[in-house]
Amino acid sequence: MSTEIRQSDLRNDNAVIMRRVAAGESFVVTVNGRAVADVVPQQRDTGRRAFVPTADAVAALTSTPLSRSDARRWLADIRQDDDTPRDPWARQSSGA
C-alpha cells in the first residue's frame, strides 16, 4: 500500500523519502490534493536477457532439424497462401 505525501513533503524531506523507497516503501505524490505521481522502488532484474546472442540463436534454430518432407510441406504452404499486403481503405471497384 502506498503512503500519500504532498509534493512539498517530497521536496523538503527528499533524502528521508528516498531512503524509505530504497527500503521498499511506495508513495503517491499529490499536488493540491490530486495524485500526480508514484514514487516506487526500482524493479529488480528478473534475470531475463534483453537480447539473445547470435551464437545462442543459431544453436536454438539448428538444434531441431526439419526433415525434407517438413521443409517441402512448409514451402508448399507458403507458396499457396496469398499474404500480399492490401490497403484496407482503398476503394473497391464496384463494377457499376
PDB file of N, CA and C in Angstrom:
ATOM      1  N   MET A   1       0.834  -1.173   0.000  1.00  0.00           N
ATOM      2  CA  MET A   1       0.000   0.000   0.000  1.00  0.00           C
ATOM      3  C   MET A   1       0.884   1.243   0.000  1.00  0.00           C
ATOM      4  N   SER A   2       0.485   2.243  -0.761  1.00  0.00           N
ATOM      5  CA  SER A   2       1.265   3.465  -0.878  1.00  0.00           C
ATOM      6  C   SER A   2       0.839   4.498   0.149  1.00  0.00           C
ATOM      7  N   THR A   3       1.812   5.251   0.617  1.00  0.00           N
ATOM      8  CA  THR A   3       1.564   6.354   1.526  1.00  0.00           C
ATOM      9  C   THR A   3       1.415   7.620   0.699  1.00  0.00           C
ATOM     10  N   GLU A   4       0.404   8.418   1.005  1.00  0.00           N
ATOM     11  CA  GLU A   4       0.188   9.660   0.271  1.00  0.00           C
ATOM     12  C   GLU A   4       1.013  10.776   0.907  1.00  0.00           C
ATOM     13  N   ILE A   5       1.771  11.492   0.072  1.00  0.00           N
ATOM     14  CA  ILE A   5       2.558  12.626   0.558  1.00  0.00           C
ATOM     15  C   ILE A   5       2.367  13.816  -0.370  1.00  0.00           C
ATOM     16  N   ARG A   6       2.490  15.008   0.192  1.00  0.00           N
ATOM     17  CA  ARG A   6       2.379  16.219  -0.618  1.00  0.00           C
ATOM     18  C   ARG A   6       3.711  16.469  -1.342  1.00  0.00           C
ATOM     19  N   GLN A   7       3.621  17.173  -2.449  1.00  0.00           N
ATOM     20  CA  GLN A   7       4.822  17.496  -3.206  1.00  0.00           C
ATOM     21  C   GLN A   7       5.815  18.271  -2.338  1.00  0.00           C
ATOM     22  N   SER A   8       5.314  19.146  -1.494  1.00  0.00           N
ATOM     23  CA  SER A   8       6.197  19.926  -0.621  1.00  0.00           C
ATOM     24  C   SER A   8       6.933  19.014   0.358  1.00  0.00           C
ATOM     25  N   ASP A   9       6.270  17.947   0.835  1.00  0.00           N
ATOM     26  CA  ASP A   9       6.941  17.000   1.730  1.00  0.00           C
ATOM     27  C   ASP A   9       8.055  16.263   0.987  1.00  0.00           C
ATOM     28  N   LEU A  10       7.781  15.903  -0.255  1.00  0.00           N
ATOM     29  CA  LEU A  10       8.805  15.232  -1.059  1.00  0.00           C
ATOM     30  C   LEU A  10      10.000  16.160  -1.263  1.00  0.00           C
ATOM     31  N   ARG A  11       9.717  17.421  -1.550  1.00  0.00           N
ATOM     32  CA  ARG A  11      10.791  18.398  -1.772  1.00  0.00           C
ATOM     33  C   ARG A  11      11.595  18.618  -0.494  1.00  0.00           C
ATOM     34  N   ASN A  12      10.906  18.797   0.620  1.00  0.00           N
ATOM     35  CA  ASN A  12      11.587  19.133   1.874  1.00  0.00           C
ATOM     36  C   ASN A  12      12.268  17.941   2.539  1.00  0.00           C
ATOM     37  N   ASP A  13      11.710  16.743   2.351  1.00  0.00           N
ATOM     38  CA  ASP A  13      12.253  15.553   3.014  1.00  0.00           C
ATOM     39  C   ASP A  13      12.737  14.521   1.995  1.00  0.00           C
ATOM     40  N   ASN A  14      13.309  15.008   0.919  1.00  0.00           N
ATOM     41  CA  ASN A  14      13.719  14.139  -0.188  1.00  0.00           C
ATOM     42  C   ASN A  14      14.610  12.983   0.264  1.00  0.00           C
ATOM     43  N   ALA A  15      15.622  13.255   1.059  1.00  0.00           N
ATOM     44  CA  ALA A  15      16.572  12.214   1.464  1.00  0.00           C
ATOM     45  C   ALA A  15      15.877  11.130   2.291  1.00  0.00           C
ATOM     46  N   VAL A  16      15.018  11.544   3.208  1.00  0.00           N
ATOM     47  CA  VAL A  16      14.305  10.594   4.062  1.00  0.00           C
ATOM     48  C   VAL A  16      13.376   9.725   3.214  1.00  0.00           C
ATOM     49  N   ILE A  17      12.648  10.372   2.316  1.00  0.00           N
ATOM     50  CA  ILE A  17      11.705   9.635   1.461  1.00  0.00           C
ATOM     51  C   ILE A  17      12.468   8.650   0.572  1.00  0.00           C
ATOM     52  N   MET A  18      13.575   9.054  -0.007  1.00  0.00           N
ATOM     53  CA  MET A  18      14.347   8.159  -0.878  1.00  0.00           C
ATOM     54  C   MET A  18      14.883   6.964  -0.102  1.00  0.00           C
ATOM     55  N   ARG A  19      15.296   7.172   1.145  1.00  0.00           N
ATOM     56  CA  ARG A  19      15.745   6.034   1.963  1.00  0.00           C
ATOM     57  C   ARG A  19      14.590   5.076   2.213  1.00  0.00           C
ATOM     58  N   ARG A  20      13.401   5.621   2.448  1.00  0.00           N
ATOM     59  CA  ARG A  20      12.232   4.763   2.677  1.00  0.00           C
ATOM     60  C   ARG A  20      11.854   4.002   1.408  1.00  0.00           C
ATOM     61  N   VAL A  21      11.966   4.659   0.253  1.00  0.00           N
ATOM     62  CA  VAL A  21      11.692   3.981  -1.020  1.00  0.00           C
ATOM     63  C   VAL A  21      12.718   2.868  -1.228  1.00  0.00           C
ATOM     64  N   ALA A  22      13.979   3.147  -0.952  1.00  0.00           N
ATOM     65  CA  ALA A  22      15.026   2.132  -1.091  1.00  0.00           C
ATOM     66  C   ALA A  22      14.752   0.943  -0.176  1.00  0.00           C
ATOM     67  N   ALA A  23      14.074   1.192   0.931  1.00  0.00           N
ATOM     68  CA  ALA A  23      13.729   0.118   1.871  1.00  0.00           C
ATOM     69  C   ALA A  23      12.465  -0.629   1.447  1.00  0.00           C
ATOM     70  N   GLY A  24      11.815  -0.170   0.368  1.00  0.00           N
ATOM     71  CA  GLY A  24      10.671  -0.904  -0.151  1.00  0.00           C
ATOM     72  C   GLY A  24       9.331  -0.192  -0.064  1.00  0.00           C
ATOM     73  N   GLU A  25       9.277   0.987   0.511  1.00  0.00           N
ATOM     74  CA  GLU A  25       8.010   1.717   0.618  1.00  0.00           C
ATOM     75  C   GLU A  25       7.657   2.396  -0.701  1.00  0.00           C
ATOM     76  N   SER A  26       6.373   2.636  -0.899  1.00  0.00           N
ATOM     77  CA  SER A  26       5.878   3.345  -2.083  1.00  0.00           C
ATOM     78  C   SER A  26       5.095   4.567  -1.632  1.00  0.00           C
ATOM     79  N   PHE A  27       5.113   5.601  -2.459  1.00  0.00           N
ATOM     80  CA  PHE A  27       4.417   6.843  -2.142  1.00  0.00           C
ATOM     81  C   PHE A  27       3.620   7.325  -3.343  1.00  0.00           C
ATOM     82  N   VAL A  28       2.501   7.996  -3.048  1.00  0.00           N
ATOM     83  CA  VAL A  28       1.733   8.706  -4.064  1.00  0.00           C
ATOM     84  C   VAL A  28       1.916  10.180  -3.751  1.00  0.00           C
ATOM     85  N   VAL A  29       2.465  10.915  -4.708  1.00  0.00           N
ATOM     86  CA  VAL A  29       2.719  12.339  -4.520  1.00  0.00           C
ATOM     87  C   VAL A  29       1.497  13.119  -4.992  1.00  0.00           C
ATOM     88  N   THR A  30       1.050  14.056  -4.148  1.00  0.00           N
ATOM     89  CA  THR A  30      -0.116  14.860  -4.500  1.00  0.00           C
ATOM     90  C   THR A  30       0.253  16.334  -4.623  1.00  0.00           C
ATOM     91  N   VAL A  31      -0.497  17.027  -5.478  1.00  0.00           N
ATOM     92  CA  VAL A  31      -0.396  18.477  -5.613  1.00  0.00           C
ATOM     93  C   VAL A  31      -1.817  19.002  -5.469  1.00  0.00           C
ATOM     94  N   ASN A  32      -2.023  19.849  -4.476  1.00  0.00           N
ATOM     95  CA  ASN A  32      -3.363  20.369  -4.175  1.00  0.00           C
ATOM     96  C   ASN A  32      -4.379  19.245  -3.994  1.00  0.00           C
ATOM     97  N   GLY A  33      -3.949  18.153  -3.349  1.00  0.00           N
ATOM     98  CA  GLY A  33      -4.834  17.046  -3.058  1.00  0.00           C
ATOM     99  C   GLY A  33      -5.084  16.083  -4.200  1.00  0.00           C
ATOM    100  N   ARG A  34      -4.467  16.347  -5.357  1.00  0.00           N
ATOM    101  CA  ARG A  34      -4.665  15.483  -6.534  1.00  0.00           C
ATOM    102  C   ARG A  34      -3.407  14.650  -6.759  1.00  0.00           C
ATOM    103  N   ALA A  35      -3.570  13.337  -6.898  1.00  0.00           N
ATOM    104  CA  ALA A  35      -2.429  12.439  -7.119  1.00  0.00           C
ATOM    105  C   ALA A  35      -1.804  12.740  -8.479  1.00  0.00           C
ATOM    106  N   VAL A  36      -0.488  12.950  -8.501  1.00  0.00           N
ATOM    107  CA  VAL A  36       0.198  13.265  -9.753  1.00  0.00           C
ATOM    108  C   VAL A  36       1.351  12.327 -10.072  1.00  0.00           C
ATOM    109  N   ALA A  37       1.834  11.585  -9.079  1.00  0.00           N
ATOM    110  CA  ALA A  37       2.987  10.720  -9.349  1.00  0.00           C
ATOM    111  C   ALA A  37       3.072   9.604  -8.318  1.00  0.00           C
ATOM    112  N   ASP A  38       3.688   8.509  -8.745  1.00  0.00           N
ATOM    113  CA  ASP A  38       4.009   7.411  -7.848  1.00  0.00           C
ATOM    114  C   ASP A  38       5.522   7.371  -7.680  1.00  0.00           C
ATOM    115  N   VAL A  39       5.964   7.229  -6.455  1.00  0.00           N
ATOM    116  CA  VAL A  39       7.384   7.027  -6.180  1.00  0.00           C
ATOM    117  C   VAL A  39       7.476   5.614  -5.630  1.00  0.00           C
ATOM    118  N   VAL A  40       8.074   4.732  -6.420  1.00  0.00           N
ATOM    119  CA  VAL A  40       8.110   3.313  -6.071  1.00  0.00           C
ATOM    120  C   VAL A  40       9.541   2.793  -6.165  1.00  0.00           C
ATOM    121  N   PRO A  41       9.833   1.708  -5.466  1.00  0.00           N
ATOM    122  CA  PRO A  41      11.175   1.125  -5.561  1.00  0.00           C
ATOM    123  C   PRO A  41      11.475   0.669  -6.994  1.00  0.00           C
ATOM    124  N   GLN A  42      12.724   0.748  -7.360  1.00  0.00           N
ATOM    125  CA  GLN A  42      13.169   0.279  -8.677  1.00  0.00           C
ATOM    126  C   GLN A  42      12.912  -1.221  -8.781  1.00  0.00           C
ATOM    127  N   GLN A  43      12.408  -1.645  -9.939  1.00  0.00           N
ATOM    128  CA  GLN A  43      12.164  -3.077 -10.159  1.00  0.00           C
ATOM    129  C   GLN A  43      13.499  -3.802 -10.271  1.00  0.00           C
ATOM    130  N   ARG A  44      13.569  -4.922  -9.654  1.00  0.00           N
ATOM    131  CA  ARG A  44      14.794  -5.725  -9.685  1.00  0.00           C
ATOM    132  C   ARG A  44      14.919  -6.456 -10.998  1.00  0.00           C
ATOM    133  N   ASP A  45      16.155  -6.775 -11.370  1.00  0.00           N
ATOM    134  CA  ASP A  45      16.432  -7.540 -12.588  1.00  0.00           C
ATOM    135  C   ASP A  45      15.801  -8.916 -12.452  1.00  0.00           C
ATOM    136  N   THR A  46      15.031  -9.319 -13.457  1.00  0.00           N
ATOM    137  CA  THR A  46      14.354 -10.614 -13.409  1.00  0.00           C
ATOM    138  C   THR A  46      15.241 -11.744 -13.906  1.00  0.00           C
ATOM    139  N   GLY A  47      16.420 -11.408 -14.399  1.00  0.00           N
ATOM    140  CA  GLY A  47      17.306 -12.436 -14.921  1.00  0.00           C
ATOM    141  C   GLY A  47      17.086 -12.712 -16.394  1.00  0.00           C
ATOM    142  N   ARG A  48      16.056 -12.105 -16.975  1.00  0.00           N
ATOM    143  CA  ARG A  48      15.797 -12.309 -18.401  1.00  0.00           C
ATOM    144  C   ARG A  48      16.710 -11.398 -19.205  1.00  0.00           C
ATOM    145  N   ARG A  49      17.211 -11.927 -20.277  1.00  0.00           N
ATOM    146  CA  ARG A  49      18.085 -11.138 -21.134  1.00  0.00           C
ATOM    147  C   ARG A  49      17.260 -10.267 -22.066  1.00  0.00           C
ATOM    148  N   ALA A  50      17.752  -9.077 -22.334  1.00  0.00           N
ATOM    149  CA  ALA A  50      17.062  -8.172 -23.251  1.00  0.00           C
ATOM    150  C   ALA A  50      17.393  -8.523 -24.704  1.00  0.00           C
ATOM    151  N   PHE A  51      18.407  -9.323 -24.907  1.00  0.00           N
ATOM    152  CA  PHE A  51      18.787  -9.732 -26.255  1.00  0.00           C
ATOM    153  C   PHE A  51      19.297 -11.164 -26.200  1.00  0.00           C
ATOM    154  N   VAL A  52      19.357 -11.789 -27.345  1.00  0.00           N
ATOM    155  CA  VAL A  52      19.895 -13.148 -27.433  1.00  0.00           C
ATOM    156  C   VAL A  52      21.138 -13.085 -28.298  1.00  0.00           C
ATOM    157  N   PRO A  53      22.274 -13.517 -27.785  1.00  0.00           N
ATOM    158  CA  PRO A  53      23.487 -13.517 -28.593  1.00  0.00           C
ATOM    159  C   PRO A  53      23.308 -14.375 -29.845  1.00  0.00           C
ATOM    160  N   THR A  54      23.948 -13.983 -30.909  1.00  0.00           N
ATOM    161  CA  THR A  54      23.823 -14.673 -32.193  1.00  0.00           C
ATOM    162  C   THR A  54      24.110 -16.158 -32.070  1.00  0.00           C
ATOM    163  N   ALA A  55      25.153 -16.511 -31.360  1.00  0.00           N
ATOM    164  CA  ALA A  55      25.525 -17.916 -31.224  1.00  0.00           C
ATOM    165  C   ALA A  55      24.392 -18.716 -30.566  1.00  0.00           C
ATOM    166  N   ASP A  56      23.732 -18.134 -29.560  1.00  0.00           N
ATOM    167  CA  ASP A  56      22.621 -18.826 -28.898  1.00  0.00           C
ATOM    168  C   ASP A  56      21.435 -18.994 -29.843  1.00  0.00           C
ATOM    169  N   ALA A  57      21.143 -17.962 -30.640  1.00  0.00           N
ATOM    170  CA  ALA A  57      20.036 -18.045 -31.593  1.00  0.00           C
ATOM    171  C   ALA A  57      20.303 -19.109 -32.648  1.00  0.00           C
ATOM    172  N   VAL A  58      21.516 -19.134 -33.177  1.00  0.00           N
ATOM    173  CA  VAL A  58      21.867 -20.135 -34.189  1.00  0.00           C
ATOM    174  C   VAL A  58      21.767 -21.533 -33.595  1.00  0.00           C
ATOM    175  N   ALA A  59      22.261 -21.717 -32.392  1.00  0.00           N
ATOM    176  CA  ALA A  59      22.200 -23.028 -31.745  1.00  0.00           C
ATOM    177  C   ALA A  59      20.750 -23.472 -31.536  1.00  0.00           C
ATOM    178  N   ALA A  60      19.884 -22.548 -31.119  1.00  0.00           N
ATOM    179  CA  ALA A  60      18.483 -22.902 -30.895  1.00  0.00           C
ATOM    180  C   ALA A  60      17.779 -23.243 -32.203  1.00  0.00           C
ATOM    181  N   LEU A  61      18.094 -22.509 -33.251  1.00  0.00           N
ATOM    182  CA  LEU A  61      17.424 -22.740 -34.531  1.00  0.00           C
ATOM    183  C   LEU A  61      17.925 -23.985 -35.248  1.00  0.00           C
ATOM    184  N   THR A  62      19.140 -24.381 -34.978  1.00  0.00           N
ATOM    185  CA  THR A  62      19.688 -25.554 -35.659  1.00  0.00           C
ATOM    186  C   THR A  62      19.594 -26.829 -34.822  1.00  0.00           C
ATOM    187  N   SER A  63      19.112 -26.724 -33.587  1.00  0.00           N
ATOM    188  CA  SER A  63      19.062 -27.902 -32.729  1.00  0.00           C
ATOM    189  C   SER A  63      17.880 -28.811 -33.057  1.00  0.00           C
ATOM    190  N   THR A  64      16.873 -28.314 -33.755  1.00  0.00           N
ATOM    191  CA  THR A  64      15.717 -29.125 -34.128  1.00  0.00           C
ATOM    192  C   THR A  64      15.611 -29.138 -35.645  1.00  0.00           C
ATOM    193  N   PRO A  65      16.337 -30.048 -36.278  1.00  0.00           N
ATOM    194  CA  PRO A  65      16.333 -30.041 -37.747  1.00  0.00           C
ATOM    195  C   PRO A  65      14.991 -30.496 -38.311  1.00  0.00           C
ATOM    196  N   LEU A  66      14.591 -29.869 -39.397  1.00  0.00           N
ATOM    197  CA  LEU A  66      13.385 -30.274 -40.106  1.00  0.00           C
ATOM    198  C   LEU A  66      13.746 -31.372 -41.098  1.00  0.00           C
ATOM    199  N   SER A  67      12.839 -32.300 -41.258  1.00  0.00           N
ATOM    200  CA  SER A  67      13.059 -33.308 -42.289  1.00  0.00           C
ATOM    201  C   SER A  67      12.776 -32.669 -43.642  1.00  0.00           C
ATOM    202  N   ARG A  68      13.198 -33.320 -44.701  1.00  0.00           N
ATOM    203  CA  ARG A  68      12.953 -32.784 -46.045  1.00  0.00           C
ATOM    204  C   ARG A  68      11.454 -32.674 -46.326  1.00  0.00           C
ATOM    205  N   SER A  69      10.680 -33.651 -45.841  1.00  0.00           N
ATOM    206  CA  SER A  69       9.232 -33.587 -46.087  1.00  0.00           C
ATOM    207  C   SER A  69       8.614 -32.408 -45.337  1.00  0.00           C
ATOM    208  N   ASP A  70       9.120 -32.123 -44.125  1.00  0.00           N
ATOM    209  CA  ASP A  70       8.627 -30.951 -43.393  1.00  0.00           C
ATOM    210  C   ASP A  70       8.937 -29.680 -44.172  1.00  0.00           C
ATOM    211  N   ALA A  71      10.140 -29.597 -44.682  1.00  0.00           N
ATOM    212  CA  ALA A  71      10.543 -28.417 -45.445  1.00  0.00           C
ATOM    213  C   ALA A  71       9.697 -28.265 -46.700  1.00  0.00           C
ATOM    214  N   ARG A  72       9.420 -29.359 -47.380  1.00  0.00           N
ATOM    215  CA  ARG A  72       8.596 -29.295 -48.595  1.00  0.00           C
ATOM    216  C   ARG A  72       7.171 -28.845 -48.271  1.00  0.00           C
ATOM    217  N   ARG A  73       6.603 -29.405 -47.197  1.00  0.00           N
ATOM    218  CA  ARG A  73       5.245 -29.001 -46.803  1.00  0.00           C
ATOM    219  C   ARG A  73       5.194 -27.526 -46.421  1.00  0.00           C
ATOM    220  N   TRP A  74       6.207 -27.060 -45.711  1.00  0.00           N
ATOM    221  CA  TRP A  74       6.257 -25.656 -45.313  1.00  0.00           C
ATOM    222  C   TRP A  74       6.344 -24.766 -46.538  1.00  0.00           C
ATOM    223  N   LEU A  75       7.219 -25.113 -47.481  1.00  0.00           N
ATOM    224  CA  LEU A  75       7.381 -24.316 -48.691  1.00  0.00           C
ATOM    225  C   LEU A  75       6.096 -24.315 -49.513  1.00  0.00           C
ATOM    226  N   ALA A  76       5.428 -25.451 -49.625  1.00  0.00           N
ATOM    227  CA  ALA A  76       4.164 -25.524 -50.374  1.00  0.00           C
ATOM    228  C   ALA A  76       3.100 -24.663 -49.696  1.00  0.00           C
ATOM    229  N   ASP A  77       3.065 -24.687 -48.381  1.00  0.00           N
ATOM    230  CA  ASP A  77       2.099 -23.894 -47.637  1.00  0.00           C
ATOM    231  C   ASP A  77       2.344 -22.399 -47.862  1.00  0.00           C
ATOM    232  N   ILE A  78       3.598 -21.994 -47.820  1.00  0.00           N
ATOM    233  CA  ILE A  78       3.945 -20.591 -48.041  1.00  0.00           C
ATOM    234  C   ILE A  78       3.558 -20.158 -49.450  1.00  0.00           C
ATOM    235  N   ARG A  79       3.832 -20.995 -50.422  1.00  0.00           N
ATOM    236  CA  ARG A  79       3.510 -20.645 -51.811  1.00  0.00           C
ATOM    237  C   ARG A  79       2.009 -20.606 -52.054  1.00  0.00           C
ATOM    238  N   GLN A  80       1.246 -21.418 -51.328  1.00  0.00           N
ATOM    239  CA  GLN A  80      -0.195 -21.489 -51.514  1.00  0.00           C
ATOM    240  C   GLN A  80      -0.899 -20.246 -50.959  1.00  0.00           C
ATOM    241  N   ASP A  81      -0.451 -19.744 -49.838  1.00  0.00           N
ATOM    242  CA  ASP A  81      -1.096 -18.588 -49.210  1.00  0.00           C
ATOM    243  C   ASP A  81      -0.769 -17.313 -49.966  1.00  0.00           C
ATOM    244  N   ASP A  82      -1.763 -16.446 -50.048  1.00  0.00           N
ATOM    245  CA  ASP A  82      -1.556 -15.137 -50.658  1.00  0.00           C
ATOM    246  C   ASP A  82      -1.525 -14.116 -49.531  1.00  0.00           C
ATOM    247  N   ASP A  83      -0.328 -13.797 -49.073  1.00  0.00           N
ATOM    248  CA  ASP A  83      -0.163 -12.846 -47.979  1.00  0.00           C
ATOM    249  C   ASP A  83       0.206 -11.459 -48.481  1.00  0.00           C
ATOM    250  N   THR A  84      -0.244 -11.136 -49.689  1.00  0.00           N
ATOM    251  CA  THR A  84       0.075  -9.837 -50.254  1.00  0.00           C
ATOM    252  C   THR A  84      -0.596  -8.743 -49.425  1.00  0.00           C
ATOM    253  N   PRO A  85       0.179  -7.776 -48.948  1.00  0.00           N
ATOM    254  CA  PRO A  85      -0.422  -6.703 -48.162  1.00  0.00           C
ATOM    255  C   PRO A  85      -1.394  -5.897 -49.019  1.00  0.00           C
ATOM    256  N   ARG A  86      -2.520  -5.545 -48.438  1.00  0.00           N
ATOM    257  CA  ARG A  86      -3.527  -4.758 -49.149  1.00  0.00           C
ATOM    258  C   ARG A  86      -3.908  -3.553 -48.300  1.00  0.00           C
ATOM    259  N   ASP A  87      -4.236  -2.457 -48.964  1.00  0.00           N
ATOM    260  CA  ASP A  87      -4.672  -1.254 -48.283  1.00  0.00           C
ATOM    261  C   ASP A  87      -6.140  -1.423 -47.913  1.00  0.00           C
ATOM    262  N   PRO A  88      -6.470  -1.501 -46.621  1.00  0.00           N
ATOM    263  CA  PRO A  88      -7.865  -1.731 -46.232  1.00  0.00           C
ATOM    264  C   PRO A  88      -8.780  -0.548 -46.528  1.00  0.00           C
ATOM    265  N   TRP A  89      -8.204   0.634 -46.791  1.00  0.00           N
ATOM    266  CA  TRP A  89      -9.011   1.810 -47.062  1.00  0.00           C
ATOM    267  C   TRP A  89      -9.108   2.120 -48.556  1.00  0.00           C
ATOM    268  N   ALA A  90      -8.458   1.302 -49.358  1.00  0.00           N
ATOM    269  CA  ALA A  90      -8.540   1.524 -50.805  1.00  0.00           C
ATOM    270  C   ALA A  90      -9.968   1.247 -51.268  1.00  0.00           C
ATOM    271  N   ARG A  91     -10.444   2.072 -52.180  1.00  0.00           N
ATOM    272  CA  ARG A  91     -11.798   1.864 -52.702  1.00  0.00           C
ATOM    273  C   ARG A  91     -11.824   0.643 -53.587  1.00  0.00           C
ATOM    274  N   GLN A  92     -12.827  -0.156 -53.358  1.00  0.00           N
ATOM    275  CA  GLN A  92     -13.024  -1.339 -54.168  1.00  0.00           C
ATOM    276  C   GLN A  92     -13.867  -0.945 -55.390  1.00  0.00           C
ATOM    277  N   SER A  93     -13.488  -1.422 -56.553  1.00  0.00           N
ATOM    278  CA  SER A  93     -14.292  -1.109 -57.731  1.00  0.00           C
ATOM    279  C   SER A  93     -15.562  -1.942 -57.677  1.00  0.00           C
ATOM    280  N   SER A  94     -16.696  -1.278 -57.771  1.00  0.00           N
ATOM    281  CA  SER A  94     -17.976  -1.976 -57.668  1.00  0.00           C
ATOM    282  C   SER A  94     -18.451  -2.493 -59.003  1.00  0.00           C
ATOM    283  N   GLY A  95     -17.773  -2.071 -60.083  1.00  0.00           N
ATOM    284  CA  GLY A  95     -18.145  -2.553 -61.399  1.00  0.00           C
ATOM    285  C   GLY A  95     -19.381  -1.865 -61.929  1.00  0.00           C
ATOM    286  N   ALA A  96     -19.921  -0.899 -61.201  1.00  0.00           N
ATOM    287  CA  ALA A  96     -21.132  -0.211 -61.655  1.00  0.00           C
ATOM    288  C   ALA A  96     -20.828   1.142 -62.186  1.00  0.00           C
TER     289      ALA A  96
END
